[in-house]
C-alpha cells in the first residue's frame, strides 16, 4: 500500500531517509547533509510536498519525496525501498503515484539526481524513461590548482586509419562526428604510406574525444586505427585500436597528471611487438624513440617527439601546424 505521510509519520520518514543516506556511497568531498535534508522534508510536509510511504503487511518498507519546482517541472529528491522488500515493484509504484500527484499540479517533467557510480539505480531510471540532461562535475581543489598552475602549451591530435579506402573513412567519419560534437572544419586526407588521416578542429583539441573517434572508426571499418596527439605542449599520447579494441596505449610521461600504480605506469609504455605486427614499425626503433619518462624535461620537446613517433609508425600529418583547410 502507498499512502501520503503525515506529521505523525515523521519518525518513520526519518528512519527510512537515514537508511537511504547510509546506503548511498556519497563522493568523499561531500558533507553529510542528512539532518539538513530531513529538516527540509519536515517543512515540506507542512506545505505541498509529496512524501509517500510504502507499506507491506502493515510495516513501512519504502519512501518517496517529491515536490513541484517550476511551472512544469517536478523534482524527485528521494526514492528508497528497504532491501528485503525490493524486487516487488514497490519503487515503480512509488514513482507512479508521485508522477500522478505531480501531474495533477500541472507538472509535465520529473527530474532527479543520481550518482554516476550508482550503476544499478541509473539502469532502473533509464528503463523507466529518465535520460541525462546535464552532468555535475567535481574536482579536488588541490588537484585543480596543480593542473592550472602548469605552463599551458598547445593540445592537438589526429586520427589515422590503416587503409587506402578514403571513401570508406569519409563515410564512417560522417556518421561518427555528429555524435561526438563535430565542428565545421573536418578533413579526411591521404592515403599516405597506407594511412588515411582524419582531422577535426574541435576533436583534435580534446584527447578523450579523439580516442573515442578512433575507437569508433576502428570498429566501423574493422581495422587498425591510431589516435595520436600532444597534451599541454608537454606529453605525447597515442592509442592504437584494432577492430574496435584498444591494443596499445602510450604516454610519454605516464604520471604527468597524477601518480599511478606501478602497473599502470608500465602499461602506458609502447609495446614494440604489437606496433610491429599492426603497423610494420621496427621494434628496435620503437624502443629507441617511443620512450617514457618521469618528466617532460627528460625527453625531446613534445612537438619533436610526436614527429619522431609518427615517423616510426609510418603515419603523416601528425605534427602541430596542420590546418583543416590546408
Protein backbone atom coordinates (compact mmCIF):
# COMPACT_ATOMS: atom_id res chain seq x y z
CA UNK A 1 0.00 0.00 0.00
CA UNK A 2 1.20 3.52 -0.84
CA UNK A 3 -0.06 6.41 1.27
CA UNK A 4 0.75 10.06 1.92
CA UNK A 5 2.78 10.67 5.05
CA UNK A 6 1.57 12.99 7.77
CA UNK A 7 3.41 14.78 10.55
CA UNK A 8 2.66 11.76 12.74
CA UNK A 9 4.81 9.67 10.39
CA UNK A 10 7.91 11.81 10.94
CA UNK A 11 9.75 9.10 12.96
CA UNK A 12 9.21 6.61 10.12
CA UNK A 13 10.22 9.14 7.47
CA UNK A 14 13.39 9.96 9.42
CA UNK A 15 14.31 6.29 9.77
CA UNK A 16 13.76 5.45 6.10
CA UNK A 17 15.65 8.56 4.95
CA UNK A 18 18.60 7.77 7.21
CA UNK A 19 18.71 4.23 5.79
CA UNK A 20 18.80 5.72 2.29
CA UNK A 21 21.59 8.14 3.24
CA UNK A 22 23.60 5.34 4.82
CA UNK A 23 23.28 3.17 1.73
CA UNK A 24 24.35 5.83 -0.75
CA UNK A 25 28.06 5.94 -1.45
CA UNK A 26 28.50 9.70 -1.47
CA UNK A 27 31.67 11.16 -3.02
CA UNK A 28 34.37 11.74 -0.36
CA UNK A 29 34.21 15.52 -0.76
CA UNK A 30 30.52 15.65 0.14
CA UNK A 31 29.44 16.75 3.62
CA UNK A 32 26.78 14.73 5.43
CA UNK A 33 23.60 16.75 4.78
CA UNK A 34 21.21 14.16 6.20
CA UNK A 35 19.88 16.31 9.05
CA UNK A 36 19.53 19.37 6.83
CA UNK A 37 17.66 17.35 4.21
CA UNK A 38 15.39 15.85 6.87
CA UNK A 39 14.55 19.34 8.11
CA UNK A 40 13.54 20.30 4.56
CA UNK A 41 11.32 17.23 4.28
CA UNK A 42 9.67 18.04 7.60
CA UNK A 43 8.96 21.58 6.43
CA UNK A 44 7.75 20.21 3.12
CA UNK A 45 5.17 18.06 4.86
CA UNK A 46 3.56 21.26 6.05
CA UNK A 47 3.46 22.66 2.53
CA UNK A 48 2.65 20.87 -0.73
CA UNK A 49 5.48 18.35 -0.94
CA UNK A 50 4.61 14.76 -1.76
CA UNK A 51 6.03 12.47 0.91
CA UNK A 52 4.86 8.92 0.26
CA UNK A 53 5.32 5.84 2.42
CA UNK A 54 5.08 2.30 1.07
CA UNK A 55 3.84 -0.38 3.47
CA UNK A 56 3.82 -4.16 3.29
CA UNK A 57 1.89 -6.19 5.83
CA UNK A 58 1.47 -3.01 7.83
CA UNK A 59 5.21 -2.31 8.06
CA UNK A 60 6.92 0.66 6.33
CA UNK A 61 9.23 -0.52 3.54
CA UNK A 62 9.69 2.46 1.20
CA UNK A 63 9.81 6.22 0.87
CA UNK A 64 9.48 8.75 -1.94
CA UNK A 65 9.81 12.53 -1.64
CA UNK A 66 9.00 14.94 -4.47
CA UNK A 67 7.85 18.50 -4.99
CA UNK A 68 6.90 20.91 -7.74
CA UNK A 69 9.82 23.24 -8.52
CA UNK A 70 8.60 25.10 -11.58
CA UNK A 71 5.53 25.66 -13.70
CA UNK A 72 6.02 22.32 -15.46
CA UNK A 73 8.87 20.64 -13.55
CA UNK A 74 8.81 18.34 -10.55
CA UNK A 75 11.79 17.02 -8.59
CA UNK A 76 12.06 13.52 -7.11
CA UNK A 77 14.54 14.11 -4.31
CA UNK A 78 14.36 10.72 -2.57
CA UNK A 79 13.38 7.19 -3.51
CA UNK A 80 14.13 4.25 -1.23
CA UNK A 81 12.92 0.69 -0.70
CA UNK A 82 14.30 -1.49 2.07
CA UNK A 83 16.46 -4.33 0.70
CA UNK A 84 14.17 -7.13 1.90
CA UNK A 85 11.24 -5.60 0.02
CA UNK A 86 12.97 -4.98 -3.29
CA UNK A 87 12.06 -6.78 -6.49
CA UNK A 88 8.31 -6.48 -5.89
CA UNK A 89 7.59 -3.34 -7.91
CA UNK A 90 7.37 -1.07 -4.86
CA UNK A 91 9.81 1.52 -6.23
CA UNK A 92 8.00 1.77 -9.56
CA UNK A 93 4.64 2.12 -7.78
CA UNK A 94 6.05 4.89 -5.58
CA UNK A 95 7.26 6.75 -8.67
CA UNK A 96 3.96 6.12 -10.50
CA UNK A 97 2.00 7.68 -7.67
CA UNK A 98 4.45 10.56 -7.35
CA UNK A 99 4.01 11.20 -11.07
CA UNK A 100 0.23 11.16 -10.73
CA UNK A 101 0.26 13.69 -7.92
CA UNK A 102 2.68 15.99 -9.75
CA UNK A 103 0.69 15.71 -12.99
CA UNK A 104 -2.39 16.89 -11.11
CA UNK A 105 -0.40 20.05 -10.30
CA UNK A 106 0.38 20.66 -13.96
CA UNK A 107 3.85 19.12 -13.90
CA UNK A 108 5.00 17.65 -17.23
CA UNK A 109 8.60 16.58 -16.45
CA UNK A 110 10.15 14.93 -13.40
CA UNK A 111 13.85 15.42 -12.67
CA UNK A 112 16.12 13.57 -10.24
CA UNK A 113 19.81 13.29 -9.32
CA UNK A 114 21.77 10.04 -9.28
CA UNK A 115 25.45 9.35 -8.65
CA UNK A 116 27.34 8.29 -11.76
CA UNK A 117 28.80 5.38 -9.77
CA UNK A 118 25.33 4.04 -8.92
CA UNK A 119 25.00 1.84 -12.00
CA UNK A 120 22.06 -0.18 -10.65
CA UNK A 121 19.91 2.89 -9.97
CA UNK A 122 20.85 4.52 -13.26
CA UNK A 123 19.82 1.40 -15.18
CA UNK A 124 16.41 1.34 -13.46
CA UNK A 125 15.79 5.04 -14.05
CA UNK A 126 16.74 4.74 -17.72
CA UNK A 127 14.39 1.79 -18.09
CA UNK A 128 11.61 3.96 -16.71
CA UNK A 129 12.35 6.66 -19.27
CA UNK A 130 14.69 9.04 -17.46
CA UNK A 131 17.58 10.38 -19.56
CA UNK A 132 20.60 12.60 -18.73
CA UNK A 133 20.04 16.32 -19.31
CA UNK A 134 23.12 17.70 -17.53
CA UNK A 135 26.23 16.41 -15.76
CA UNK A 136 27.63 17.75 -12.48
CA UNK A 137 31.41 17.73 -12.32
CA UNK A 138 33.69 17.90 -9.28
CA UNK A 139 37.41 18.38 -8.78
CA UNK A 140 39.54 18.46 -5.62
CA UNK A 141 40.95 21.97 -5.23
CA UNK A 142 44.47 20.65 -4.66
CA UNK A 143 44.46 18.80 -7.99
CA UNK A 144 42.79 21.72 -9.75
CA UNK A 145 45.37 24.20 -8.52
CA UNK A 146 48.20 21.86 -9.52
CA UNK A 147 46.95 21.44 -13.07
CA UNK A 148 46.01 25.07 -13.61
CA UNK A 149 49.40 26.26 -12.39
CA UNK A 150 51.30 24.29 -15.04
CA UNK A 151 52.61 26.12 -18.09
CA UNK A 152 49.99 25.54 -20.75
CA UNK A 153 51.14 24.60 -24.23
CA UNK A 154 49.17 23.53 -27.29
CA UNK A 155 46.95 20.45 -27.28
CA UNK A 156 46.36 18.85 -30.66
CA UNK A 157 45.96 15.46 -32.25
CA UNK A 158 44.79 13.42 -35.18
CA UNK A 159 43.37 10.04 -36.13
CA UNK A 160 44.94 7.72 -38.70
CA UNK A 161 43.14 4.80 -40.32
CA UNK A 162 45.19 1.99 -41.83
CA UNK A 163 43.52 1.74 -45.23
CA UNK A 164 43.67 3.08 -48.77
CA UNK A 165 39.87 3.39 -48.98
CA UNK A 166 39.39 7.12 -48.41
CA UNK A 167 35.69 6.97 -49.29
CA UNK A 168 35.02 4.37 -46.59
CA UNK A 169 36.76 6.54 -44.00
CA UNK A 170 34.80 9.61 -45.10
CA UNK A 171 31.51 7.73 -44.72
CA UNK A 172 32.47 6.46 -41.26
CA UNK A 173 33.58 9.94 -40.17
CA UNK A 174 30.31 11.49 -41.34
CA UNK A 175 28.38 9.06 -39.16
CA UNK A 176 30.63 9.33 -36.10
CA UNK A 177 31.42 13.02 -35.74
CA UNK A 178 27.88 14.39 -35.24
CA UNK A 179 27.57 12.22 -32.12
CA UNK A 180 30.91 13.46 -30.78
CA UNK A 181 30.38 17.18 -31.35
CA UNK A 182 31.52 17.72 -34.92
CA UNK A 183 32.76 21.18 -35.89
CA UNK A 184 32.79 22.81 -39.31
CA UNK A 185 36.45 22.13 -40.01
CA UNK A 186 36.84 18.43 -40.73
CA UNK A 187 39.12 16.86 -43.32
CA UNK A 188 39.99 13.34 -44.43
CA UNK A 189 43.28 13.18 -46.35
CA UNK A 190 45.54 10.56 -47.87
CA UNK A 191 46.26 7.81 -48.20
CA UNK A 192 49.94 8.16 -47.38
CA UNK A 193 52.02 5.11 -46.58
CA UNK A 194 48.78 3.13 -46.25
CA UNK A 195 47.19 5.52 -43.72
CA UNK A 196 44.24 7.89 -44.13
CA UNK A 197 44.41 10.90 -41.78
CA UNK A 198 41.37 12.46 -40.08
CA UNK A 199 41.47 15.96 -38.55
CA UNK A 200 38.67 17.92 -36.90
CA UNK A 201 39.07 21.42 -35.48
CA UNK A 202 37.20 20.57 -32.27
CA UNK A 203 38.05 16.93 -31.62
CA UNK A 204 41.76 17.41 -32.38
CA UNK A 205 41.92 19.54 -29.19
CA UNK A 206 40.04 17.04 -26.99
CA UNK A 207 42.11 13.88 -26.32
CA UNK A 208 39.19 11.86 -24.95
CA UNK A 209 37.01 12.66 -27.95
CA UNK A 210 39.94 11.90 -30.24
CA UNK A 211 40.29 8.42 -28.75
CA UNK A 212 36.52 7.84 -28.93
CA UNK A 213 36.55 8.73 -32.61
CA UNK A 214 39.47 6.38 -33.27
CA UNK A 215 37.79 3.53 -31.42
CA UNK A 216 34.54 4.02 -33.34
CA UNK A 217 36.27 4.21 -36.71
CA UNK A 218 38.24 1.06 -35.90
CA UNK A 219 35.05 -0.78 -35.03
CA UNK A 220 33.13 0.52 -38.05
CA UNK A 221 35.85 -0.12 -40.61
CA UNK A 222 37.12 -3.26 -38.90
CA UNK A 223 40.80 -2.42 -38.93
CA UNK A 224 43.72 -0.65 -37.29
CA UNK A 225 43.28 2.98 -36.22
CA UNK A 226 45.70 5.24 -34.36
CA UNK A 227 44.84 8.32 -32.28
CA UNK A 228 47.94 10.38 -31.54
CA UNK A 229 48.50 13.84 -30.13
CA UNK A 230 50.18 16.24 -27.72
CA UNK A 231 48.67 17.48 -24.45
CA UNK A 232 49.62 20.87 -22.96
CA UNK A 233 52.61 21.03 -25.28
CA UNK A 234 54.32 18.56 -22.91
CA UNK A 235 53.09 14.98 -23.26
CA UNK A 236 52.70 12.76 -26.31
CA UNK A 237 49.90 10.19 -26.15
CA UNK A 238 48.60 7.62 -28.55
CA UNK A 239 46.02 4.84 -28.50
CA UNK A 240 46.07 2.04 -31.07
CA UNK A 241 42.85 0.19 -31.87
CA UNK A 242 42.24 -2.98 -33.85
CA UNK A 243 38.64 -3.79 -34.82
CA UNK A 244 37.39 -1.56 -32.01
CA UNK A 245 39.63 -2.97 -29.29
CA UNK A 246 42.38 -0.98 -27.59
CA UNK A 247 45.55 -2.97 -28.22
CA UNK A 248 48.25 -0.49 -27.15
CA UNK A 249 48.32 2.81 -25.27
CA UNK A 250 51.25 5.14 -24.68
CA UNK A 251 52.02 8.30 -22.72
CA UNK A 252 55.46 9.83 -22.82
CA UNK A 253 55.06 10.95 -19.19
CA UNK A 254 52.57 8.48 -17.67
CA UNK A 255 52.26 10.30 -14.34
CA UNK A 256 52.04 13.82 -15.80
CA UNK A 257 48.53 14.37 -14.42
CA UNK A 258 48.64 12.26 -11.26
CA UNK A 259 50.53 9.42 -9.56
CA UNK A 260 49.62 5.98 -10.89
CA UNK A 261 50.04 2.42 -9.64
CA UNK A 262 53.29 0.88 -10.95
CA UNK A 263 51.37 -1.48 -13.21
CA UNK A 264 49.55 1.40 -14.89
CA UNK A 265 52.83 3.24 -15.49
CA UNK A 266 54.25 0.16 -17.21
CA UNK A 267 51.07 -0.32 -19.24
CA UNK A 268 51.45 3.19 -20.70
CA UNK A 269 54.75 2.28 -22.32
CA UNK A 270 54.80 1.38 -26.01
CA UNK A 271 54.53 -2.30 -26.94
CA UNK A 272 57.10 -2.89 -29.72
CA UNK A 273 55.69 -6.33 -30.59
CA UNK A 274 52.16 -5.06 -31.10
CA UNK A 275 53.34 -2.00 -33.03
CA UNK A 276 55.50 -4.16 -35.29
CA UNK A 277 52.64 -6.55 -36.01
CA UNK A 278 49.99 -3.93 -36.69
CA UNK A 279 51.95 -1.03 -38.19
CA UNK A 280 55.13 -2.61 -39.52
CA UNK A 281 57.27 -0.49 -37.20
CA UNK A 282 60.82 -1.63 -36.49
CA UNK A 283 60.83 -2.88 -32.85
CA UNK A 284 64.36 -1.59 -32.30
CA UNK A 285 63.36 1.92 -33.40
CA UNK A 286 60.25 1.75 -31.21
CA UNK A 287 62.40 1.01 -28.17
CA UNK A 288 64.78 3.82 -29.11
CA UNK A 289 62.23 6.53 -29.92
CA UNK A 290 58.95 5.74 -28.15
CA UNK A 291 60.21 6.06 -24.59
CA UNK A 292 58.62 7.18 -21.31
CA UNK A 293 59.98 9.40 -18.53
CA UNK A 294 59.03 10.88 -15.20
CA UNK A 295 59.20 14.45 -16.54
CA UNK A 296 58.84 16.12 -19.97
CA UNK A 297 62.33 17.60 -19.44
CA UNK A 298 63.83 14.11 -19.75
CA UNK A 299 62.55 13.73 -23.33
CA UNK A 300 62.78 15.73 -26.54
CA UNK A 301 60.22 18.56 -26.91
CA UNK A 302 56.77 17.08 -27.42
CA UNK A 303 56.46 18.66 -30.87
CA UNK A 304 59.64 16.87 -31.95
CA UNK A 305 58.77 13.62 -30.17
CA UNK A 306 55.39 13.25 -31.87
CA UNK A 307 57.02 13.74 -35.27
CA UNK A 308 59.61 11.07 -34.45
CA UNK A 309 56.96 8.62 -33.22
CA UNK A 310 54.79 9.26 -36.28
CA UNK A 311 57.81 8.55 -38.47
CA UNK A 312 58.45 5.25 -36.67
CA UNK A 313 54.80 4.22 -37.18
CA UNK A 314 54.71 5.42 -40.78
CA UNK A 315 51.93 7.99 -40.38
CA UNK A 316 51.96 11.51 -41.78
CA UNK A 317 50.31 14.79 -40.76
CA UNK A 318 50.53 14.07 -37.03
CA UNK A 319 52.53 17.15 -36.05
CA UNK A 320 51.29 20.57 -34.92
CA UNK A 321 50.53 23.19 -37.51
CA UNK A 322 48.22 21.13 -39.70
CA UNK A 323 45.12 23.16 -40.64
CA UNK A 324 41.84 21.60 -41.74
CA UNK A 325 41.61 23.85 -44.78
CA UNK A 326 45.12 23.03 -45.99
